[in-house]
Protein backbone atom coordinates (compact mmCIF):
# COMPACT_ATOMS: atom_id res chain seq x y z
CA MET A 1 -26.25 46.44 259.18
CA PRO A 2 -29.04 47.60 256.85
CA SER A 3 -28.27 50.56 254.66
CA VAL A 4 -29.64 53.98 255.43
CA GLU A 5 -31.69 53.81 252.25
CA VAL A 6 -33.40 50.58 253.35
CA VAL A 7 -34.25 52.03 256.76
CA ASP A 8 -35.57 55.26 255.30
CA LEU A 9 -37.65 53.46 252.69
CA SER A 10 -39.04 51.15 255.37
CA ARG A 11 -39.99 54.16 257.47
CA LEU A 12 -41.60 55.83 254.47
CA GLN A 13 -43.61 52.75 253.54
CA PHE A 14 -44.76 52.22 257.12
CA ALA A 15 -45.68 55.90 257.50
CA VAL A 16 -47.73 55.94 254.30
CA THR A 17 -49.55 52.74 255.31
CA ALA A 18 -50.26 54.13 258.79
CA LEU A 19 -51.52 57.37 257.26
CA TYR A 20 -53.96 55.55 254.98
CA HIS A 21 -55.07 53.28 257.82
CA PHE A 22 -55.85 56.15 260.12
CA LEU A 23 -58.03 57.80 257.51
CA PHE A 24 -60.58 55.08 258.31
CA VAL A 25 -60.03 54.35 262.01
CA PRO A 26 -61.65 57.46 263.56
CA LEU A 27 -64.75 57.09 261.40
CA THR A 28 -65.11 53.43 262.34
CA LEU A 29 -64.85 54.21 266.05
CA GLY A 30 -67.37 57.03 266.01
CA LEU A 31 -69.82 55.91 263.35
CA SER A 32 -70.35 52.56 265.08
CA TRP A 33 -71.82 54.28 268.15
CA ILE A 34 -73.90 56.62 265.98
CA LEU A 35 -75.45 53.49 264.44
CA VAL A 36 -76.26 52.25 267.94
CA ILE A 37 -77.99 55.55 268.75
CA MET A 38 -79.99 55.57 265.51
CA GLU A 39 -81.12 51.98 265.89
CA SER A 40 -81.96 52.50 269.56
CA VAL A 41 -84.33 55.30 268.54
CA TYR A 42 -85.84 52.95 265.94
CA VAL A 43 -86.41 50.24 268.55
CA MET A 44 -87.99 52.72 270.98
CA THR A 45 -90.21 54.54 268.47
CA SER A 46 -90.76 51.90 265.73
CA LYS A 47 -90.46 54.68 263.15
CA GLU A 48 -89.14 53.27 259.89
CA ILE A 49 -87.13 56.40 259.11
CA TYR A 50 -84.65 55.52 261.87
CA ARG A 51 -84.33 52.00 260.46
CA ASP A 52 -83.60 53.48 257.03
CA MET A 53 -81.09 55.89 258.57
CA THR A 54 -79.29 53.04 260.33
CA LYS A 55 -79.12 50.99 257.13
CA PHE A 56 -77.90 53.96 255.07
CA TRP A 57 -75.13 54.95 257.47
CA GLY A 58 -74.42 51.27 258.04
CA LYS A 59 -73.46 50.90 254.38
CA LEU A 60 -70.94 53.73 254.70
CA PHE A 61 -69.69 52.18 257.93
CA GLY A 62 -69.24 48.85 256.15
CA ILE A 63 -67.15 50.37 253.35
CA ASN A 64 -65.05 52.21 255.90
CA PHE A 65 -64.70 49.06 258.03
CA VAL A 66 -63.43 46.97 255.11
CA MET A 67 -60.89 49.63 254.13
CA GLY A 68 -59.74 49.93 257.75
CA VAL A 69 -59.25 46.16 258.06
CA THR A 70 -57.36 45.98 254.76
CA THR A 71 -54.93 48.76 255.63
CA GLY A 72 -54.66 47.55 259.24
CA LEU A 73 -53.62 44.03 258.25
CA THR A 74 -51.07 45.49 255.85
CA LEU A 75 -49.71 47.62 258.68
CA GLU A 76 -49.37 44.62 261.00
CA PHE A 77 -47.58 42.58 258.34
CA GLN A 78 -45.05 45.37 257.96
CA PHE A 79 -43.90 44.82 261.54
CA GLY A 80 -42.50 41.55 260.25
CA THR A 81 -41.40 42.61 256.78
CA ASN A 82 -39.91 46.02 257.62
CA TRP A 83 -39.04 45.71 261.30
CA ALA A 84 -38.32 42.02 261.80
CA TYR A 85 -35.56 42.52 264.37
CA TYR A 86 -37.65 44.94 266.39
CA SER A 87 -40.53 42.45 266.34
CA HIS A 88 -38.16 39.76 267.62
CA TYR A 89 -36.70 42.09 270.24
CA VAL A 90 -40.03 43.16 271.80
CA GLY A 91 -42.32 40.42 270.51
CA ASP A 92 -43.05 38.95 273.95
CA ILE A 93 -44.52 42.28 275.06
CA PHE A 94 -45.69 44.03 271.93
CA GLY A 95 -47.26 40.92 270.46
CA ALA A 96 -49.45 40.15 273.49
CA PRO A 97 -51.93 43.04 273.20
CA LEU A 98 -52.02 42.69 269.41
CA ALA A 99 -52.82 38.99 269.72
CA ILE A 100 -55.53 39.70 272.30
CA GLU A 101 -56.95 42.38 270.01
CA GLY A 102 -57.16 39.90 267.16
CA LEU A 103 -58.68 37.06 269.18
CA MET A 104 -60.99 39.13 271.37
CA ALA A 105 -61.98 42.33 269.59
CA PHE A 106 -61.43 41.79 265.87
CA PHE A 107 -63.20 38.42 265.78
CA LEU A 108 -66.06 39.96 267.78
CA GLU A 109 -66.64 42.88 265.46
CA SER A 110 -65.99 40.85 262.29
CA THR A 111 -68.55 38.21 263.29
CA PHE A 112 -71.27 40.63 264.24
CA VAL A 113 -70.72 43.06 261.37
CA GLY A 114 -71.94 40.28 259.07
CA LEU A 115 -75.02 39.77 261.23
CA PHE A 116 -75.56 43.53 261.18
CA PHE A 117 -75.86 43.61 257.38
CA PHE A 118 -77.65 40.32 256.76
CA GLY A 119 -79.77 40.04 259.88
CA TRP A 120 -82.27 42.86 259.42
CA ASP A 121 -85.10 40.57 258.28
CA ARG A 122 -83.93 37.50 260.19
CA MET A 123 -83.73 38.83 263.75
CA GLY A 124 -85.96 40.79 266.07
CA LYS A 125 -85.44 44.50 266.57
CA VAL A 126 -83.88 44.18 270.01
CA THR A 127 -81.63 41.31 268.92
CA HIS A 128 -80.37 43.30 265.95
CA LEU A 129 -79.76 46.30 268.19
CA LEU A 130 -77.63 44.05 270.41
CA VAL A 131 -75.67 42.98 267.33
CA THR A 132 -75.06 46.63 266.41
CA PHE A 133 -73.94 47.34 269.96
CA LEU A 134 -71.45 44.45 269.83
CA VAL A 135 -70.05 45.76 266.54
CA ALA A 136 -69.46 49.16 268.16
CA PHE A 137 -68.09 47.60 271.33
CA GLY A 138 -65.71 45.37 269.36
CA SER A 139 -64.47 48.26 267.24
CA ASN A 140 -63.65 50.37 270.28
CA LEU A 141 -62.21 47.38 272.13
CA SER A 142 -59.76 46.95 269.25
CA ALA A 143 -58.63 50.50 269.83
CA VAL A 144 -57.97 49.73 273.51
CA TRP A 145 -55.53 46.89 272.82
CA ILE A 146 -53.81 48.55 269.88
CA LEU A 147 -53.27 51.72 271.90
CA ILE A 148 -51.92 49.68 274.82
CA ALA A 149 -49.28 48.30 272.44
CA ASN A 150 -48.61 51.76 271.04
CA ALA A 151 -48.37 53.30 274.50
CA TRP A 152 -45.77 50.73 275.55
CA MET A 153 -43.50 51.92 272.74
CA GLN A 154 -43.73 55.44 274.17
CA ASN A 155 -43.56 54.41 277.83
CA PRO A 156 -42.09 50.87 278.15
CA VAL A 157 -43.37 49.80 281.57
CA GLY A 158 -43.69 46.30 282.99
CA ALA A 159 -40.72 44.91 281.08
CA GLU A 160 -37.01 44.32 281.46
CA PHE A 161 -34.11 43.41 279.22
CA ASN A 162 -32.90 39.80 279.35
CA HIS A 163 -29.16 39.74 278.73
CA GLU A 164 -29.18 36.01 277.94
CA THR A 165 -31.79 36.13 275.20
CA MET A 166 -31.04 39.73 274.18
CA ARG A 167 -34.76 40.46 274.21
CA MET A 168 -37.23 42.51 276.21
CA GLU A 169 -39.46 40.36 278.42
CA LEU A 170 -42.77 41.13 280.09
CA THR A 171 -42.58 41.32 283.89
CA SER A 172 -45.99 42.79 284.75
CA PHE A 173 -49.05 42.47 282.55
CA TYR A 174 -50.87 44.77 284.97
CA ASP A 175 -48.38 47.58 284.36
CA LEU A 176 -48.64 47.02 280.62
CA LEU A 177 -52.44 47.12 280.78
CA PHE A 178 -52.70 50.21 282.98
CA ASN A 179 -49.92 52.22 281.39
CA PRO A 180 -50.90 55.87 282.04
CA VAL A 181 -49.92 56.78 278.49
CA ALA A 182 -52.43 54.23 277.16
CA GLY A 183 -55.30 55.92 278.96
CA ALA A 184 -54.42 59.31 277.56
CA LYS A 185 -54.01 57.90 274.06
CA PHE A 186 -57.35 56.09 274.22
CA VAL A 187 -59.30 59.17 275.33
CA HIS A 188 -57.58 61.27 272.67
CA THR A 189 -58.19 58.73 269.90
CA VAL A 190 -61.82 57.86 270.59
CA ALA A 191 -62.74 61.50 271.20
CA ALA A 192 -61.26 62.36 267.81
CA GLY A 193 -63.20 59.46 266.30
CA TYR A 194 -66.51 60.58 267.78
CA VAL A 195 -65.99 64.16 266.59
CA THR A 196 -64.93 62.98 263.13
CA ALA A 197 -67.95 60.70 262.76
CA SER A 198 -70.32 63.41 263.98
CA MET A 199 -68.95 65.90 261.46
CA PHE A 200 -69.12 63.22 258.75
CA VAL A 201 -72.82 62.62 259.41
CA LEU A 202 -73.59 66.33 259.69
CA GLY A 203 -71.67 67.10 256.52
CA ILE A 204 -73.51 64.52 254.41
CA SER A 205 -76.89 65.20 256.01
């Protein structure tokens, strides 16, 4: 059995990492869609000021994105370093949405965020707008899968305990996906992100 001190220190480390990570998450979620709006206006009006606005706020988005990825990867590693037994116990369920998030959403946004920064003079206006849209879509899609995993910890549906393996096993991916807690968490999180990003832009403007 681990000592109380080890458990408490693990909790403290995980809490601090999560706190730092979530300083950047809401801004990433909201600012990505604000970039889409700004660039859409640029495409429709051809006014250079909206292109300059998109590039300016895009730089701040990029800094925030890198910090969010750095703290997010650290947070995921701590599931193995701090909570190895828990990860083994629920890995079949908890790991699925996190793996899908990495393969589907994170790769999507990471690929197109590079095109967003380096494709201004190499792509047409509409093509670059599509790239910006995919960055925003990928960022918010990441939130969907992460919050599905988080919601399962609060409301563990679609799973049962296997007495032979001493592990939780997934019985219904549908129930995991459409966990009612996940929907509430997603609306709450993205709404907070959109408000945060709006206030961020207004405050600096």
